[in-house]
Amino acid sequence: MIKARVTVTLKNGVLDPQGKAIEGALGALGFDGVSGVRQGKVFDLELEGTDKAKAEAEVKAMCEQLLANTVIENYSVTIS
C-alpha cells in the first residue's frame, strides 16, 4: 500500500476571498500580525501496489483531471 498526499493551493495573483476572511477572523480573535493568509486543500490517498514512480504518475494524472483546477491552482504530490 502506498500513501500519497496532494496539497492544492491557489496560484500567486489569484484572489483568495476565503483566505482574506480567515485573516480578518484571526485579527478579530486577537491574533495580531497575521497577513497573507492563503487557503488550500489537502487530499490523502491510499493506492494499491508498491511502485512509487507509477503511483506518483497516477496521482499527478488525478490532479490534472480532477483534484486541481490547474488554470488557477498549483499542486504538489508527496509519496510515502
N, C-alpha and C. Protein backbone atom coordinates (compact mmCIF):
# COMPACT_ATOMS: atom_id res chain seq x y z
N MET A 1 0.86 -1.18 0.00
CA MET A 1 0.00 0.00 0.00
C MET A 1 0.90 1.24 0.00
N ILE A 2 0.60 2.14 -0.89
CA ILE A 2 1.33 3.41 -0.99
C ILE A 2 0.40 4.53 -0.56
N LYS A 3 0.95 5.44 0.23
CA LYS A 3 0.17 6.60 0.66
C LYS A 3 0.67 7.83 -0.08
N ALA A 4 -0.28 8.65 -0.49
CA ALA A 4 0.05 9.89 -1.19
C ALA A 4 -0.70 11.04 -0.55
N ARG A 5 -0.05 12.19 -0.54
CA ARG A 5 -0.70 13.42 -0.07
C ARG A 5 -0.58 14.46 -1.17
N VAL A 6 -1.72 15.04 -1.53
CA VAL A 6 -1.78 16.09 -2.54
C VAL A 6 -2.16 17.39 -1.84
N THR A 7 -1.36 18.42 -2.03
CA THR A 7 -1.65 19.73 -1.48
C THR A 7 -1.95 20.67 -2.65
N VAL A 8 -3.12 21.27 -2.61
CA VAL A 8 -3.57 22.16 -3.68
C VAL A 8 -3.71 23.58 -3.12
N THR A 9 -3.09 24.53 -3.79
CA THR A 9 -3.17 25.94 -3.37
C THR A 9 -3.44 26.81 -4.58
N LEU A 10 -4.01 27.97 -4.34
CA LEU A 10 -4.24 28.92 -5.42
C LEU A 10 -2.91 29.48 -5.90
N LYS A 11 -2.81 29.73 -7.20
CA LYS A 11 -1.61 30.33 -7.75
C LYS A 11 -1.47 31.76 -7.25
N ASN A 12 -0.22 32.24 -7.20
CA ASN A 12 0.02 33.63 -6.83
C ASN A 12 -0.71 34.53 -7.82
N GLY A 13 -1.31 35.57 -7.32
CA GLY A 13 -2.04 36.50 -8.16
C GLY A 13 -3.52 36.20 -8.27
N VAL A 14 -3.93 35.00 -7.86
CA VAL A 14 -5.35 34.65 -7.88
C VAL A 14 -5.97 35.11 -6.57
N LEU A 15 -7.05 35.85 -6.65
CA LEU A 15 -7.71 36.35 -5.45
C LEU A 15 -8.17 35.18 -4.58
N ASP A 16 -8.00 35.32 -3.27
CA ASP A 16 -8.36 34.28 -2.31
C ASP A 16 -9.29 34.87 -1.25
N PRO A 17 -10.59 35.03 -1.56
CA PRO A 17 -11.51 35.64 -0.61
C PRO A 17 -11.63 34.85 0.68
N GLN A 18 -11.54 33.54 0.62
CA GLN A 18 -11.62 32.74 1.84
C GLN A 18 -10.39 32.98 2.72
N GLY A 19 -9.23 33.10 2.11
CA GLY A 19 -8.02 33.42 2.86
C GLY A 19 -8.13 34.78 3.54
N LYS A 20 -8.69 35.76 2.82
CA LYS A 20 -8.88 37.09 3.40
C LYS A 20 -9.86 37.05 4.57
N ALA A 21 -10.93 36.25 4.44
CA ALA A 21 -11.91 36.12 5.53
C ALA A 21 -11.26 35.48 6.76
N ILE A 22 -10.43 34.47 6.54
CA ILE A 22 -9.73 33.82 7.65
C ILE A 22 -8.78 34.81 8.31
N GLU A 23 -8.08 35.57 7.50
CA GLU A 23 -7.15 36.59 8.02
C GLU A 23 -7.89 37.60 8.89
N GLY A 24 -9.06 38.06 8.43
CA GLY A 24 -9.85 39.00 9.22
C GLY A 24 -10.35 38.39 10.51
N ALA A 25 -10.78 37.13 10.45
CA ALA A 25 -11.28 36.45 11.65
C ALA A 25 -10.16 36.26 12.67
N LEU A 26 -8.97 35.93 12.20
CA LEU A 26 -7.84 35.78 13.13
C LEU A 26 -7.53 37.10 13.83
N GLY A 27 -7.58 38.20 13.07
CA GLY A 27 -7.37 39.52 13.68
C GLY A 27 -8.43 39.83 14.71
N ALA A 28 -9.69 39.49 14.40
CA ALA A 28 -10.79 39.75 15.33
C ALA A 28 -10.65 38.91 16.61
N LEU A 29 -9.99 37.78 16.50
CA LEU A 29 -9.77 36.92 17.67
C LEU A 29 -8.54 37.33 18.47
N GLY A 30 -7.87 38.39 18.03
CA GLY A 30 -6.73 38.90 18.78
C GLY A 30 -5.38 38.39 18.29
N PHE A 31 -5.35 37.67 17.17
CA PHE A 31 -4.08 37.21 16.62
C PHE A 31 -3.55 38.29 15.69
N ASP A 32 -2.82 39.24 16.26
CA ASP A 32 -2.30 40.37 15.51
C ASP A 32 -1.06 39.97 14.71
N GLY A 33 -0.78 40.69 13.65
CA GLY A 33 0.43 40.48 12.88
C GLY A 33 0.34 39.33 11.89
N VAL A 34 -0.86 38.83 11.63
CA VAL A 34 -1.02 37.75 10.66
C VAL A 34 -1.45 38.38 9.34
N SER A 35 -0.75 38.03 8.26
CA SER A 35 -1.11 38.57 6.95
C SER A 35 -0.79 37.54 5.88
N GLY A 36 -1.30 37.79 4.70
CA GLY A 36 -1.01 36.92 3.57
C GLY A 36 -1.58 35.51 3.71
N VAL A 37 -2.72 35.37 4.37
CA VAL A 37 -3.31 34.05 4.57
C VAL A 37 -3.84 33.54 3.23
N ARG A 38 -3.45 32.32 2.88
CA ARG A 38 -3.91 31.65 1.66
C ARG A 38 -4.53 30.33 2.07
N GLN A 39 -5.68 30.04 1.57
CA GLN A 39 -6.41 28.83 1.90
C GLN A 39 -6.14 27.79 0.82
N GLY A 40 -6.11 26.52 1.20
CA GLY A 40 -5.90 25.45 0.24
C GLY A 40 -6.66 24.20 0.66
N LYS A 41 -6.31 23.09 0.03
CA LYS A 41 -6.94 21.83 0.39
C LYS A 41 -5.91 20.71 0.30
N VAL A 42 -6.16 19.65 1.08
CA VAL A 42 -5.26 18.50 1.13
C VAL A 42 -6.07 17.24 0.89
N PHE A 43 -5.52 16.36 0.05
CA PHE A 43 -6.12 15.05 -0.21
C PHE A 43 -5.13 13.99 0.23
N ASP A 44 -5.57 13.04 1.05
CA ASP A 44 -4.76 11.88 1.43
C ASP A 44 -5.35 10.68 0.70
N LEU A 45 -4.49 9.96 -0.02
CA LEU A 45 -4.92 8.83 -0.84
C LEU A 45 -4.12 7.59 -0.46
N GLU A 46 -4.75 6.43 -0.55
CA GLU A 46 -4.06 5.16 -0.41
C GLU A 46 -4.21 4.41 -1.72
N LEU A 47 -3.08 3.97 -2.28
CA LEU A 47 -3.09 3.28 -3.56
C LEU A 47 -2.52 1.88 -3.39
N GLU A 48 -3.11 0.94 -4.09
CA GLU A 48 -2.60 -0.42 -4.06
C GLU A 48 -1.31 -0.50 -4.86
N GLY A 49 -0.43 -1.43 -4.48
CA GLY A 49 0.81 -1.63 -5.20
C GLY A 49 2.01 -1.16 -4.41
N THR A 50 3.20 -1.30 -5.03
CA THR A 50 4.44 -0.93 -4.36
C THR A 50 5.33 -0.04 -5.23
N ASP A 51 4.93 0.23 -6.46
CA ASP A 51 5.73 1.02 -7.39
C ASP A 51 5.46 2.51 -7.15
N LYS A 52 6.40 3.17 -6.46
CA LYS A 52 6.20 4.58 -6.10
C LYS A 52 6.16 5.50 -7.32
N ALA A 53 6.98 5.21 -8.32
CA ALA A 53 7.00 6.05 -9.52
C ALA A 53 5.67 5.96 -10.25
N LYS A 54 5.12 4.76 -10.36
CA LYS A 54 3.83 4.58 -11.02
C LYS A 54 2.73 5.28 -10.23
N ALA A 55 2.79 5.16 -8.89
CA ALA A 55 1.79 5.80 -8.03
C ALA A 55 1.84 7.31 -8.18
N GLU A 56 3.05 7.87 -8.21
CA GLU A 56 3.19 9.32 -8.35
C GLU A 56 2.62 9.79 -9.69
N ALA A 57 2.91 9.07 -10.76
CA ALA A 57 2.39 9.43 -12.08
C ALA A 57 0.86 9.36 -12.09
N GLU A 58 0.32 8.34 -11.44
CA GLU A 58 -1.13 8.17 -11.39
C GLU A 58 -1.79 9.31 -10.60
N VAL A 59 -1.19 9.67 -9.47
CA VAL A 59 -1.75 10.76 -8.65
C VAL A 59 -1.66 12.09 -9.39
N LYS A 60 -0.56 12.32 -10.10
CA LYS A 60 -0.45 13.56 -10.88
C LYS A 60 -1.53 13.62 -11.95
N ALA A 61 -1.83 12.47 -12.58
CA ALA A 61 -2.91 12.43 -13.56
C ALA A 61 -4.24 12.75 -12.90
N MET A 62 -4.46 12.24 -11.68
CA MET A 62 -5.68 12.55 -10.93
C MET A 62 -5.79 14.05 -10.69
N CYS A 63 -4.66 14.68 -10.35
CA CYS A 63 -4.66 16.12 -10.10
C CYS A 63 -5.01 16.89 -11.37
N GLU A 64 -4.40 16.50 -12.48
CA GLU A 64 -4.64 17.19 -13.74
C GLU A 64 -6.09 17.06 -14.21
N GLN A 65 -6.72 15.92 -13.90
CA GLN A 65 -8.06 15.65 -14.40
C GLN A 65 -9.18 16.03 -13.43
N LEU A 66 -8.89 16.02 -12.11
CA LEU A 66 -9.98 16.23 -11.16
C LEU A 66 -9.62 17.03 -9.91
N LEU A 67 -8.54 16.69 -9.26
CA LEU A 67 -8.28 17.22 -7.92
C LEU A 67 -7.89 18.70 -7.90
N ALA A 68 -7.30 19.19 -8.99
CA ALA A 68 -6.87 20.59 -9.04
C ALA A 68 -7.38 21.25 -10.31
N ASN A 69 -7.75 22.51 -10.20
CA ASN A 69 -8.07 23.31 -11.38
C ASN A 69 -6.76 24.00 -11.77
N THR A 70 -6.03 23.39 -12.70
CA THR A 70 -4.67 23.85 -12.99
C THR A 70 -4.61 25.23 -13.64
N VAL A 71 -5.74 25.79 -13.99
CA VAL A 71 -5.75 27.16 -14.51
C VAL A 71 -5.45 28.14 -13.38
N ILE A 72 -5.99 27.87 -12.19
CA ILE A 72 -5.83 28.81 -11.07
C ILE A 72 -5.15 28.19 -9.85
N GLU A 73 -4.86 26.87 -9.89
CA GLU A 73 -4.29 26.20 -8.72
C GLU A 73 -2.99 25.48 -9.06
N ASN A 74 -2.11 25.45 -8.08
CA ASN A 74 -0.90 24.62 -8.10
C ASN A 74 -1.16 23.40 -7.24
N TYR A 75 -0.40 22.35 -7.46
CA TYR A 75 -0.50 21.19 -6.59
C TYR A 75 0.89 20.58 -6.39
N SER A 76 1.05 19.91 -5.27
CA SER A 76 2.27 19.14 -5.03
C SER A 76 1.86 17.76 -4.53
N VAL A 77 2.68 16.76 -4.87
CA VAL A 77 2.39 15.37 -4.52
C VAL A 77 3.54 14.84 -3.69
N THR A 78 3.20 14.23 -2.55
CA THR A 78 4.19 13.56 -1.71
C THR A 78 3.80 12.10 -1.60
N ILE A 79 4.74 11.21 -1.91
CA ILE A 79 4.52 9.77 -1.85
C ILE A 79 5.30 9.21 -0.67
N SER A 80 4.62 8.37 0.12
CA SER A 80 5.33 7.72 1.25
C SER A 80 5.00 6.26 1.31
